[in-house]
Amino acid sequence: MITAIVLIQAEVDRIPEVAAAIAALDGVSEVYSVTGDIDLIALVRVREHDALADVIADRLNKVQGVLNTQTHISFRAYSKHDLEAAFALGFDEG
């Protein structure tokens, strides 16, 4: 699974509508409203790199109210949740 973190600047008066429209896109797993220089952070999870262009360039960037995006593609996940899931592969409970 490929994860991209997309930082989004949106029209201030449309942030809730922009967030809802982005969250409804296939491939977008989460959208957060945040403080600071950006307005929203979206997590995009897809199976192959070509799908990133479909989700981000072809759909997310075209949501009305999106002014600018910056995309960061993750290399590895280090969260405790992800590590526990990785080590549990192949082990059935019960």
PDB file of N, CA and C in Angstrom:
ATOM      1  N   MET A   1       0.844  -1.174   0.000  1.00  0.00           N
ATOM      2  CA  MET A   1       0.000   0.000   0.000  1.00  0.00           C
ATOM      3  C   MET A   1       0.889   1.237   0.000  1.00  0.00           C
ATOM      4  N   ILE A   2       0.585   2.186  -0.849  1.00  0.00           N
ATOM      5  CA  ILE A   2       1.319   3.439  -0.939  1.00  0.00           C
ATOM      6  C   ILE A   2       0.497   4.515  -0.242  1.00  0.00           C
ATOM      7  N   THR A   3       1.151   5.257   0.641  1.00  0.00           N
ATOM      8  CA  THR A   3       0.473   6.330   1.364  1.00  0.00           C
ATOM      9  C   THR A   3       1.077   7.667   0.969  1.00  0.00           C
ATOM     10  N   ALA A   4       0.209   8.604   0.660  1.00  0.00           N
ATOM     11  CA  ALA A   4       0.633   9.974   0.378  1.00  0.00           C
ATOM     12  C   ALA A   4      -0.060  10.896   1.369  1.00  0.00           C
ATOM     13  N   ILE A   5       0.687  11.868   1.876  1.00  0.00           N
ATOM     14  CA  ILE A   5       0.155  12.888   2.766  1.00  0.00           C
ATOM     15  C   ILE A   5       0.038  14.154   1.926  1.00  0.00           C
ATOM     16  N   VAL A   6      -1.181  14.658   1.789  1.00  0.00           N
ATOM     17  CA  VAL A   6      -1.415  15.821   0.934  1.00  0.00           C
ATOM     18  C   VAL A   6      -1.785  17.013   1.816  1.00  0.00           C
ATOM     19  N   LEU A   7      -0.951  18.057   1.753  1.00  0.00           N
ATOM     20  CA  LEU A   7      -1.212  19.300   2.471  1.00  0.00           C
ATOM     21  C   LEU A   7      -2.018  20.201   1.543  1.00  0.00           C
ATOM     22  N   ILE A   8      -3.125  20.731   2.039  1.00  0.00           N
ATOM     23  CA  ILE A   8      -4.074  21.432   1.174  1.00  0.00           C
ATOM     24  C   ILE A   8      -4.372  22.824   1.704  1.00  0.00           C
ATOM     25  N   GLN A   9      -4.247  23.816   0.835  1.00  0.00           N
ATOM     26  CA  GLN A   9      -4.743  25.153   1.117  1.00  0.00           C
ATOM     27  C   GLN A   9      -6.080  25.273   0.412  1.00  0.00           C
ATOM     28  N   ALA A  10      -7.074  25.770   1.144  1.00  0.00           N
ATOM     29  CA  ALA A  10      -8.423  25.859   0.599  1.00  0.00           C
ATOM     30  C   ALA A  10      -8.984  27.261   0.827  1.00  0.00           C
ATOM     31  N   GLU A  11     -10.031  27.584   0.086  1.00  0.00           N
ATOM     32  CA  GLU A  11     -10.745  28.829   0.326  1.00  0.00           C
ATOM     33  C   GLU A  11     -11.299  28.762   1.742  1.00  0.00           C
ATOM     34  N   VAL A  12     -10.974  29.735   2.552  1.00  0.00           N
ATOM     35  CA  VAL A  12     -11.292  29.705   3.974  1.00  0.00           C
ATOM     36  C   VAL A  12     -12.782  29.512   4.233  1.00  0.00           C
ATOM     37  N   ASP A  13     -13.627  30.169   3.460  1.00  0.00           N
ATOM     38  CA  ASP A  13     -15.064  30.076   3.701  1.00  0.00           C
ATOM     39  C   ASP A  13     -15.666  28.766   3.190  1.00  0.00           C
ATOM     40  N   ARG A  14     -14.855  27.914   2.569  1.00  0.00           N
ATOM     41  CA  ARG A  14     -15.356  26.646   2.019  1.00  0.00           C
ATOM     42  C   ARG A  14     -14.653  25.417   2.622  1.00  0.00           C
ATOM     43  N   ILE A  15     -13.879  25.596   3.679  1.00  0.00           N
ATOM     44  CA  ILE A  15     -13.094  24.489   4.229  1.00  0.00           C
ATOM     45  C   ILE A  15     -13.958  23.266   4.552  1.00  0.00           C
ATOM     46  N   PRO A  16     -15.087  23.402   5.236  1.00  0.00           N
ATOM     47  CA  PRO A  16     -15.875  22.187   5.534  1.00  0.00           C
ATOM     48  C   PRO A  16     -16.365  21.469   4.276  1.00  0.00           C
ATOM     49  N   GLU A  17     -16.813  22.222   3.270  1.00  0.00           N
ATOM     50  CA  GLU A  17     -17.297  21.606   2.026  1.00  0.00           C
ATOM     51  C   GLU A  17     -16.158  20.965   1.246  1.00  0.00           C
ATOM     52  N   VAL A  18     -15.011  21.631   1.216  1.00  0.00           N
ATOM     53  CA  VAL A  18     -13.835  21.080   0.528  1.00  0.00           C
ATOM     54  C   VAL A  18     -13.397  19.789   1.216  1.00  0.00           C
ATOM     55  N   ALA A  19     -13.340  19.802   2.545  1.00  0.00           N
ATOM     56  CA  ALA A  19     -12.935  18.612   3.297  1.00  0.00           C
ATOM     57  C   ALA A  19     -13.889  17.451   3.029  1.00  0.00           C
ATOM     58  N   ALA A  20     -15.184  17.725   3.029  1.00  0.00           N
ATOM     59  CA  ALA A  20     -16.165  16.662   2.783  1.00  0.00           C
ATOM     60  C   ALA A  20     -16.040  16.100   1.372  1.00  0.00           C
ATOM     61  N   ALA A  21     -15.824  16.977   0.390  1.00  0.00           N
ATOM     62  CA  ALA A  21     -15.681  16.522  -1.004  1.00  0.00           C
ATOM     63  C   ALA A  21     -14.426  15.672  -1.173  1.00  0.00           C
ATOM     64  N   ILE A  22     -13.338  16.066  -0.534  1.00  0.00           N
ATOM     65  CA  ILE A  22     -12.092  15.302  -0.625  1.00  0.00           C
ATOM     66  C   ILE A  22     -12.242  13.961   0.082  1.00  0.00           C
ATOM     67  N   ALA A  23     -12.874  13.957   1.258  1.00  0.00           N
ATOM     68  CA  ALA A  23     -13.057  12.722   2.019  1.00  0.00           C
ATOM     69  C   ALA A  23     -13.898  11.704   1.247  1.00  0.00           C
ATOM     70  N   ALA A  24     -14.756  12.181   0.353  1.00  0.00           N
ATOM     71  CA  ALA A  24     -15.624  11.288  -0.417  1.00  0.00           C
ATOM     72  C   ALA A  24     -14.920  10.646  -1.612  1.00  0.00           C
ATOM     73  N   LEU A  25     -13.713  11.096  -1.942  1.00  0.00           N
ATOM     74  CA  LEU A  25     -12.988  10.556  -3.093  1.00  0.00           C
ATOM     75  C   LEU A  25     -12.456   9.151  -2.796  1.00  0.00           C
ATOM     76  N   ASP A  26     -12.581   8.250  -3.756  1.00  0.00           N
ATOM     77  CA  ASP A  26     -11.976   6.929  -3.628  1.00  0.00           C
ATOM     78  C   ASP A  26     -10.470   7.091  -3.509  1.00  0.00           C
ATOM     79  N   GLY A  27      -9.875   6.402  -2.556  1.00  0.00           N
ATOM     80  CA  GLY A  27      -8.435   6.480  -2.337  1.00  0.00           C
ATOM     81  C   GLY A  27      -8.061   7.396  -1.188  1.00  0.00           C
ATOM     82  N   VAL A  28      -8.971   8.265  -0.772  1.00  0.00           N
ATOM     83  CA  VAL A  28      -8.713   9.152   0.360  1.00  0.00           C
ATOM     84  C   VAL A  28      -9.244   8.462   1.609  1.00  0.00           C
ATOM     85  N   SER A  29      -8.342   8.191   2.560  1.00  0.00           N
ATOM     86  CA  SER A  29      -8.773   7.475   3.760  1.00  0.00           C
ATOM     87  C   SER A  29      -9.163   8.417   4.892  1.00  0.00           C
ATOM     88  N   GLU A  30      -8.534   9.580   4.960  1.00  0.00           N
ATOM     89  CA  GLU A  30      -8.810  10.511   6.051  1.00  0.00           C
ATOM     90  C   GLU A  30      -8.534  11.933   5.587  1.00  0.00           C
ATOM     91  N   VAL A  31      -9.280  12.872   6.169  1.00  0.00           N
ATOM     92  CA  VAL A  31      -9.043  14.300   5.941  1.00  0.00           C
ATOM     93  C   VAL A  31      -9.119  14.995   7.298  1.00  0.00           C
ATOM     94  N   TYR A  32      -8.115  15.802   7.606  1.00  0.00           N
ATOM     95  CA  TYR A  32      -8.059  16.523   8.875  1.00  0.00           C
ATOM     96  C   TYR A  32      -8.042  18.023   8.618  1.00  0.00           C
ATOM     97  N   SER A  33      -8.803  18.760   9.398  1.00  0.00           N
ATOM     98  CA  SER A  33      -8.720  20.212   9.429  1.00  0.00           C
ATOM     99  C   SER A  33      -7.646  20.551  10.458  1.00  0.00           C
ATOM    100  N   VAL A  34      -6.690  21.407  10.091  1.00  0.00           N
ATOM    101  CA  VAL A  34      -5.547  21.674  10.961  1.00  0.00           C
ATOM    102  C   VAL A  34      -5.267  23.170  11.073  1.00  0.00           C
ATOM    103  N   THR A  35      -4.436  23.517  12.033  1.00  0.00           N
ATOM    104  CA  THR A  35      -3.999  24.898  12.195  1.00  0.00           C
ATOM    105  C   THR A  35      -2.674  25.092  11.470  1.00  0.00           C
ATOM    106  N   GLY A  36      -2.302  26.329  11.255  1.00  0.00           N
ATOM    107  CA  GLY A  36      -1.016  26.632  10.638  1.00  0.00           C
ATOM    108  C   GLY A  36      -1.165  27.157   9.230  1.00  0.00           C
ATOM    109  N   ASP A  37      -0.142  26.968   8.428  1.00  0.00           N
ATOM    110  CA  ASP A  37      -0.094  27.511   7.068  1.00  0.00           C
ATOM    111  C   ASP A  37      -0.990  26.774   6.085  1.00  0.00           C
ATOM    112  N   ILE A  38      -1.442  25.599   6.450  1.00  0.00           N
ATOM    113  CA  ILE A  38      -2.332  24.833   5.578  1.00  0.00           C
ATOM    114  C   ILE A  38      -3.677  24.659   6.275  1.00  0.00           C
ATOM    115  N   ASP A  39      -4.673  24.290   5.506  1.00  0.00           N
ATOM    116  CA  ASP A  39      -6.017  24.173   6.055  1.00  0.00           C
ATOM    117  C   ASP A  39      -6.444  22.732   6.299  1.00  0.00           C
ATOM    118  N   LEU A  40      -6.008  21.822   5.423  1.00  0.00           N
ATOM    119  CA  LEU A  40      -6.424  20.425   5.494  1.00  0.00           C
ATOM    120  C   LEU A  40      -5.239  19.512   5.224  1.00  0.00           C
ATOM    121  N   ILE A  41      -5.285  18.333   5.812  1.00  0.00           N
ATOM    122  CA  ILE A  41      -4.329  17.277   5.494  1.00  0.00           C
ATOM    123  C   ILE A  41      -5.147  16.051   5.102  1.00  0.00           C
ATOM    124  N   ALA A  42      -4.853  15.501   3.930  1.00  0.00           N
ATOM    125  CA  ALA A  42      -5.541  14.297   3.459  1.00  0.00           C
ATOM    126  C   ALA A  42      -4.540  13.153   3.386  1.00  0.00           C
ATOM    127  N   LEU A  43      -4.968  11.978   3.816  1.00  0.00           N
ATOM    128  CA  LEU A  43      -4.168  10.769   3.658  1.00  0.00           C
ATOM    129  C   LEU A  43      -4.754   9.978   2.502  1.00  0.00           C
ATOM    130  N   VAL A  44      -3.914   9.731   1.522  1.00  0.00           N
ATOM    131  CA  VAL A  44      -4.318   8.984   0.335  1.00  0.00           C
ATOM    132  C   VAL A  44      -3.606   7.644   0.373  1.00  0.00           C
ATOM    133  N   ARG A  45      -4.382   6.574   0.244  1.00  0.00           N
ATOM    134  CA  ARG A  45      -3.801   5.227   0.260  1.00  0.00           C
ATOM    135  C   ARG A  45      -4.244   4.485  -0.995  1.00  0.00           C
ATOM    136  N   VAL A  46      -3.253   4.081  -1.796  1.00  0.00           N
ATOM    137  CA  VAL A  46      -3.523   3.389  -3.057  1.00  0.00           C
ATOM    138  C   VAL A  46      -2.570   2.206  -3.197  1.00  0.00           C
ATOM    139  N   ARG A  47      -2.871   1.332  -4.140  1.00  0.00           N
ATOM    140  CA  ARG A  47      -2.048   0.130  -4.331  1.00  0.00           C
ATOM    141  C   ARG A  47      -0.863   0.351  -5.269  1.00  0.00           C
ATOM    142  N   GLU A  48      -0.939   1.313  -6.169  1.00  0.00           N
ATOM    143  CA  GLU A  48       0.174   1.537  -7.101  1.00  0.00           C
ATOM    144  C   GLU A  48       0.368   3.033  -7.350  1.00  0.00           C
ATOM    145  N   HIS A  49       1.582   3.388  -7.756  1.00  0.00           N
ATOM    146  CA  HIS A  49       1.938   4.800  -7.929  1.00  0.00           C
ATOM    147  C   HIS A  49       1.052   5.514  -8.942  1.00  0.00           C
ATOM    148  N   ASP A  50       0.693   4.852 -10.022  1.00  0.00           N
ATOM    149  CA  ASP A  50      -0.153   5.494 -11.036  1.00  0.00           C
ATOM    150  C   ASP A  50      -1.480   5.958 -10.457  1.00  0.00           C
ATOM    151  N   ALA A  51      -1.966   5.256  -9.463  1.00  0.00           N
ATOM    152  CA  ALA A  51      -3.239   5.630  -8.841  1.00  0.00           C
ATOM    153  C   ALA A  51      -3.129   6.943  -8.080  1.00  0.00           C
ATOM    154  N   LEU A  52      -1.921   7.320  -7.643  1.00  0.00           N
ATOM    155  CA  LEU A  52      -1.743   8.618  -6.983  1.00  0.00           C
ATOM    156  C   LEU A  52      -2.139   9.753  -7.905  1.00  0.00           C
ATOM    157  N   ALA A  53      -1.742   9.662  -9.160  1.00  0.00           N
ATOM    158  CA  ALA A  53      -2.099  10.705 -10.131  1.00  0.00           C
ATOM    159  C   ALA A  53      -3.604  10.758 -10.327  1.00  0.00           C
ATOM    160  N   ASP A  54      -4.255   9.593 -10.369  1.00  0.00           N
ATOM    161  CA  ASP A  54      -5.708   9.553 -10.526  1.00  0.00           C
ATOM    162  C   ASP A  54      -6.405  10.264  -9.371  1.00  0.00           C
ATOM    163  N   VAL A  55      -5.965   9.958  -8.161  1.00  0.00           N
ATOM    164  CA  VAL A  55      -6.625  10.521  -6.983  1.00  0.00           C
ATOM    165  C   VAL A  55      -6.243  11.988  -6.776  1.00  0.00           C
ATOM    166  N   ILE A  56      -4.954  12.275  -6.763  1.00  0.00           N
ATOM    167  CA  ILE A  56      -4.503  13.612  -6.380  1.00  0.00           C
ATOM    168  C   ILE A  56      -4.591  14.607  -7.535  1.00  0.00           C
ATOM    169  N   ALA A  57      -3.916  14.327  -8.633  1.00  0.00           N
ATOM    170  CA  ALA A  57      -3.881  15.283  -9.745  1.00  0.00           C
ATOM    171  C   ALA A  57      -5.217  15.378 -10.482  1.00  0.00           C
ATOM    172  N   ASP A  58      -5.847  14.236 -10.711  1.00  0.00           N
ATOM    173  CA  ASP A  58      -7.055  14.236 -11.531  1.00  0.00           C
ATOM    174  C   ASP A  58      -8.336  14.550 -10.768  1.00  0.00           C
ATOM    175  N   ARG A  59      -8.372  14.282  -9.450  1.00  0.00           N
ATOM    176  CA  ARG A  59      -9.618  14.503  -8.707  1.00  0.00           C
ATOM    177  C   ARG A  59      -9.465  15.484  -7.551  1.00  0.00           C
ATOM    178  N   LEU A  60      -8.540  15.221  -6.628  1.00  0.00           N
ATOM    179  CA  LEU A  60      -8.413  16.078  -5.443  1.00  0.00           C
ATOM    180  C   LEU A  60      -8.095  17.517  -5.819  1.00  0.00           C
ATOM    181  N   ASN A  61      -7.139  17.720  -6.695  1.00  0.00           N
ATOM    182  CA  ASN A  61      -6.757  19.084  -7.086  1.00  0.00           C
ATOM    183  C   ASN A  61      -7.866  19.829  -7.810  1.00  0.00           C
ATOM    184  N   LYS A  62      -8.845  19.107  -8.315  1.00  0.00           N
ATOM    185  CA  LYS A  62      -9.936  19.733  -9.061  1.00  0.00           C
ATOM    186  C   LYS A  62     -11.180  20.002  -8.214  1.00  0.00           C
ATOM    187  N   VAL A  63     -11.118  19.660  -6.919  1.00  0.00           N
ATOM    188  CA  VAL A  63     -12.240  19.952  -6.028  1.00  0.00           C
ATOM    189  C   VAL A  63     -12.373  21.473  -5.927  1.00  0.00           C
ATOM    190  N   GLN A  64     -13.587  21.962  -6.123  1.00  0.00           N
ATOM    191  CA  GLN A  64     -13.814  23.406  -6.057  1.00  0.00           C
ATOM    192  C   GLN A  64     -13.473  23.909  -4.657  1.00  0.00           C
ATOM    193  N   GLY A  65     -12.636  24.923  -4.596  1.00  0.00           N
ATOM    194  CA  GLY A  65     -12.207  25.489  -3.326  1.00  0.00           C
ATOM    195  C   GLY A  65     -10.784  25.120  -2.949  1.00  0.00           C
ATOM    196  N   VAL A  66     -10.184  24.144  -3.631  1.00  0.00           N
ATOM    197  CA  VAL A  66      -8.779  23.800  -3.399  1.00  0.00           C
ATOM    198  C   VAL A  66      -7.922  24.835  -4.114  1.00  0.00           C
ATOM    199  N   LEU A  67      -7.058  25.503  -3.366  1.00  0.00           N
ATOM    200  CA  LEU A  67      -6.196  26.537  -3.942  1.00  0.00           C
ATOM    201  C   LEU A  67      -4.804  26.016  -4.280  1.00  0.00           C
ATOM    202  N   ASN A  68      -4.273  25.126  -3.439  1.00  0.00           N
ATOM    203  CA  ASN A  68      -2.909  24.648  -3.614  1.00  0.00           C
ATOM    204  C   ASN A  68      -2.741  23.342  -2.842  1.00  0.00           C
ATOM    205  N   THR A  69      -1.904  22.457  -3.360  1.00  0.00           N
ATOM    206  CA  THR A  69      -1.588  21.225  -2.641  1.00  0.00           C
ATOM    207  C   THR A  69      -0.092  20.976  -2.665  1.00  0.00           C
ATOM    208  N   GLN A  70       0.358  20.245  -1.670  1.00  0.00           N
ATOM    209  CA  GLN A  70       1.740  19.772  -1.620  1.00  0.00           C
ATOM    210  C   GLN A  70       1.669  18.323  -1.164  1.00  0.00           C
ATOM    211  N   THR A  71       2.264  17.417  -1.937  1.00  0.00           N
ATOM    212  CA  THR A  71       2.142  15.992  -1.673  1.00  0.00           C
ATOM    213  C   THR A  71       3.464  15.412  -1.203  1.00  0.00           C
ATOM    214  N   HIS A  72       3.386  14.609  -0.147  1.00  0.00           N
ATOM    215  CA  HIS A  72       4.537  13.892   0.401  1.00  0.00           C
ATOM    216  C   HIS A  72       4.216  12.406   0.359  1.00  0.00           C
ATOM    217  N   ILE A  73       5.067  11.616  -0.278  1.00  0.00           N
ATOM    218  CA  ILE A  73       4.859  10.174  -0.365  1.00  0.00           C
ATOM    219  C   ILE A  73       5.673   9.501   0.726  1.00  0.00           C
ATOM    220  N   SER A  74       5.020   8.640   1.489  1.00  0.00           N
ATOM    221  CA  SER A  74       5.710   7.998   2.607  1.00  0.00           C
ATOM    222  C   SER A  74       6.562   6.829   2.121  1.00  0.00           C
ATOM    223  N   PHE A  75       7.672   6.601   2.814  1.00  0.00           N
ATOM    224  CA  PHE A  75       8.528   5.456   2.545  1.00  0.00           C
ATOM    225  C   PHE A  75       8.178   4.295   3.475  1.00  0.00           C
ATOM    226  N   ARG A  76       8.045   4.598   4.777  1.00  0.00           N
ATOM    227  CA  ARG A  76       7.774   3.590   5.804  1.00  0.00           C
ATOM    228  C   ARG A  76       6.831   4.157   6.848  1.00  0.00           C
ATOM    229  N   ALA A  77       6.126   3.261   7.518  1.00  0.00           N
ATOM    230  CA  ALA A  77       5.291   3.643   8.654  1.00  0.00           C
ATOM    231  C   ALA A  77       5.944   3.108   9.917  1.00  0.00           C
ATOM    232  N   TYR A  78       6.081   3.960  10.912  1.00  0.00           N
ATOM    233  CA  TYR A  78       6.710   3.568  12.164  1.00  0.00           C
ATOM    234  C   TYR A  78       5.752   3.588  13.346  1.00  0.00           C
ATOM    235  N   SER A  79       4.487   3.836  13.090  1.00  0.00           N
ATOM    236  CA  SER A  79       3.546   3.895  14.209  1.00  0.00           C
ATOM    237  C   SER A  79       3.407   2.523  14.848  1.00  0.00           C
ATOM    238  N   LYS A  80       3.111   2.537  16.134  1.00  0.00           N
ATOM    239  CA  LYS A  80       2.959   1.295  16.879  1.00  0.00           C
ATOM    240  C   LYS A  80       1.873   0.421  16.252  1.00  0.00           C
ATOM    241  N   HIS A  81       0.776   1.022  15.846  1.00  0.00           N
ATOM    242  CA  HIS A  81      -0.330   0.280  15.249  1.00  0.00           C
ATOM    243  C   HIS A  81       0.121  -0.465  14.001  1.00  0.00           C
ATOM    244  N   ASP A  82       0.840   0.215  13.114  1.00  0.00           N
ATOM    245  CA  ASP A  82       1.283  -0.419  11.879  1.00  0.00           C
ATOM    246  C   ASP A  82       2.312  -1.512  12.144  1.00  0.00           C
ATOM    247  N   LEU A  83       3.209  -1.290  13.102  1.00  0.00           N
ATOM    248  CA  LEU A  83       4.208  -2.299  13.412  1.00  0.00           C
ATOM    249  C   LEU A  83       3.566  -3.543  14.017  1.00  0.00           C
ATOM    250  N   GLU A  84       2.582  -3.355  14.893  1.00  0.00           N
ATOM    251  CA  GLU A  84       1.894  -4.505  15.472  1.00  0.00           C
ATOM    252  C   GLU A  84       1.177  -5.305  14.390  1.00  0.00           C
ATOM    253  N   ALA A  85       0.555  -4.618  13.445  1.00  0.00           N
ATOM    254  CA  ALA A  85      -0.141  -5.302  12.353  1.00  0.00           C
ATOM    255  C   ALA A  85       0.842  -6.094  11.493  1.00  0.00           C
ATOM    256  N   ALA A  86       2.003  -5.517  11.236  1.00  0.00           N
ATOM    257  CA  ALA A  86       3.006  -6.188  10.413  1.00  0.00           C
ATOM    258  C   ALA A  86       3.526  -7.458  11.078  1.00  0.00           C
ATOM    259  N   PHE A  87       3.778  -7.396  12.385  1.00  0.00           N
ATOM    260  CA  PHE A  87       4.311  -8.543  13.094  1.00  0.00           C
ATOM    261  C   PHE A  87       3.234  -9.612  13.329  1.00  0.00           C
ATOM    262  N   ALA A  88       1.974  -9.252  13.198  1.00  0.00           N
ATOM    263  CA  ALA A  88       0.900 -10.200  13.444  1.00  0.00           C
ATOM    264  C   ALA A  88       0.512 -10.974  12.178  1.00  0.00           C
ATOM    265  N   LEU A  89       1.114 -10.661  11.052  1.00  0.00           N
ATOM    266  CA  LEU A  89       0.772 -11.354   9.813  1.00  0.00           C
ATOM    267  C   LEU A  89       1.058 -12.843   9.940  1.00  0.00           C
ATOM    268  N   GLY A  90       0.088 -13.630   9.569  1.00  0.00           N
ATOM    269  CA  GLY A  90       0.255 -15.062   9.589  1.00  0.00           C
ATOM    270  C   GLY A  90      -0.097 -15.728  10.903  1.00  0.00           C
ATOM    271  N   PHE A  91      -0.414 -14.911  11.926  1.00  0.00           N
ATOM    272  CA  PHE A  91      -0.799 -15.465  13.215  1.00  0.00           C
ATOM    273  C   PHE A  91      -2.296 -15.269  13.412  1.00  0.00           C
ATOM    274  N   ASP A  92      -3.001 -16.358  13.591  1.00  0.00           N
ATOM    275  CA  ASP A  92      -4.430 -16.286  13.844  1.00  0.00           C
ATOM    276  C   ASP A  92      -4.676 -16.371  15.336  1.00  0.00           C
ATOM    277  N   GLU A  93      -5.577 -15.499  15.808  1.00  0.00           N
ATOM    278  CA  GLU A  93      -5.952 -15.554  17.217  1.00  0.00           C
ATOM    279  C   GLU A  93      -6.924 -16.698  17.426  1.00  0.00           C
ATOM    280  N   GLY A  94      -6.894 -17.263  18.603  1.00  0.00           N
ATOM    281  CA  GLY A  94      -7.895 -18.260  18.902  1.00  0.00           C
ATOM    282  C   GLY A  94      -7.354 -19.519  19.294  1.00  0.00           C
TER     283      GLY A  94
END
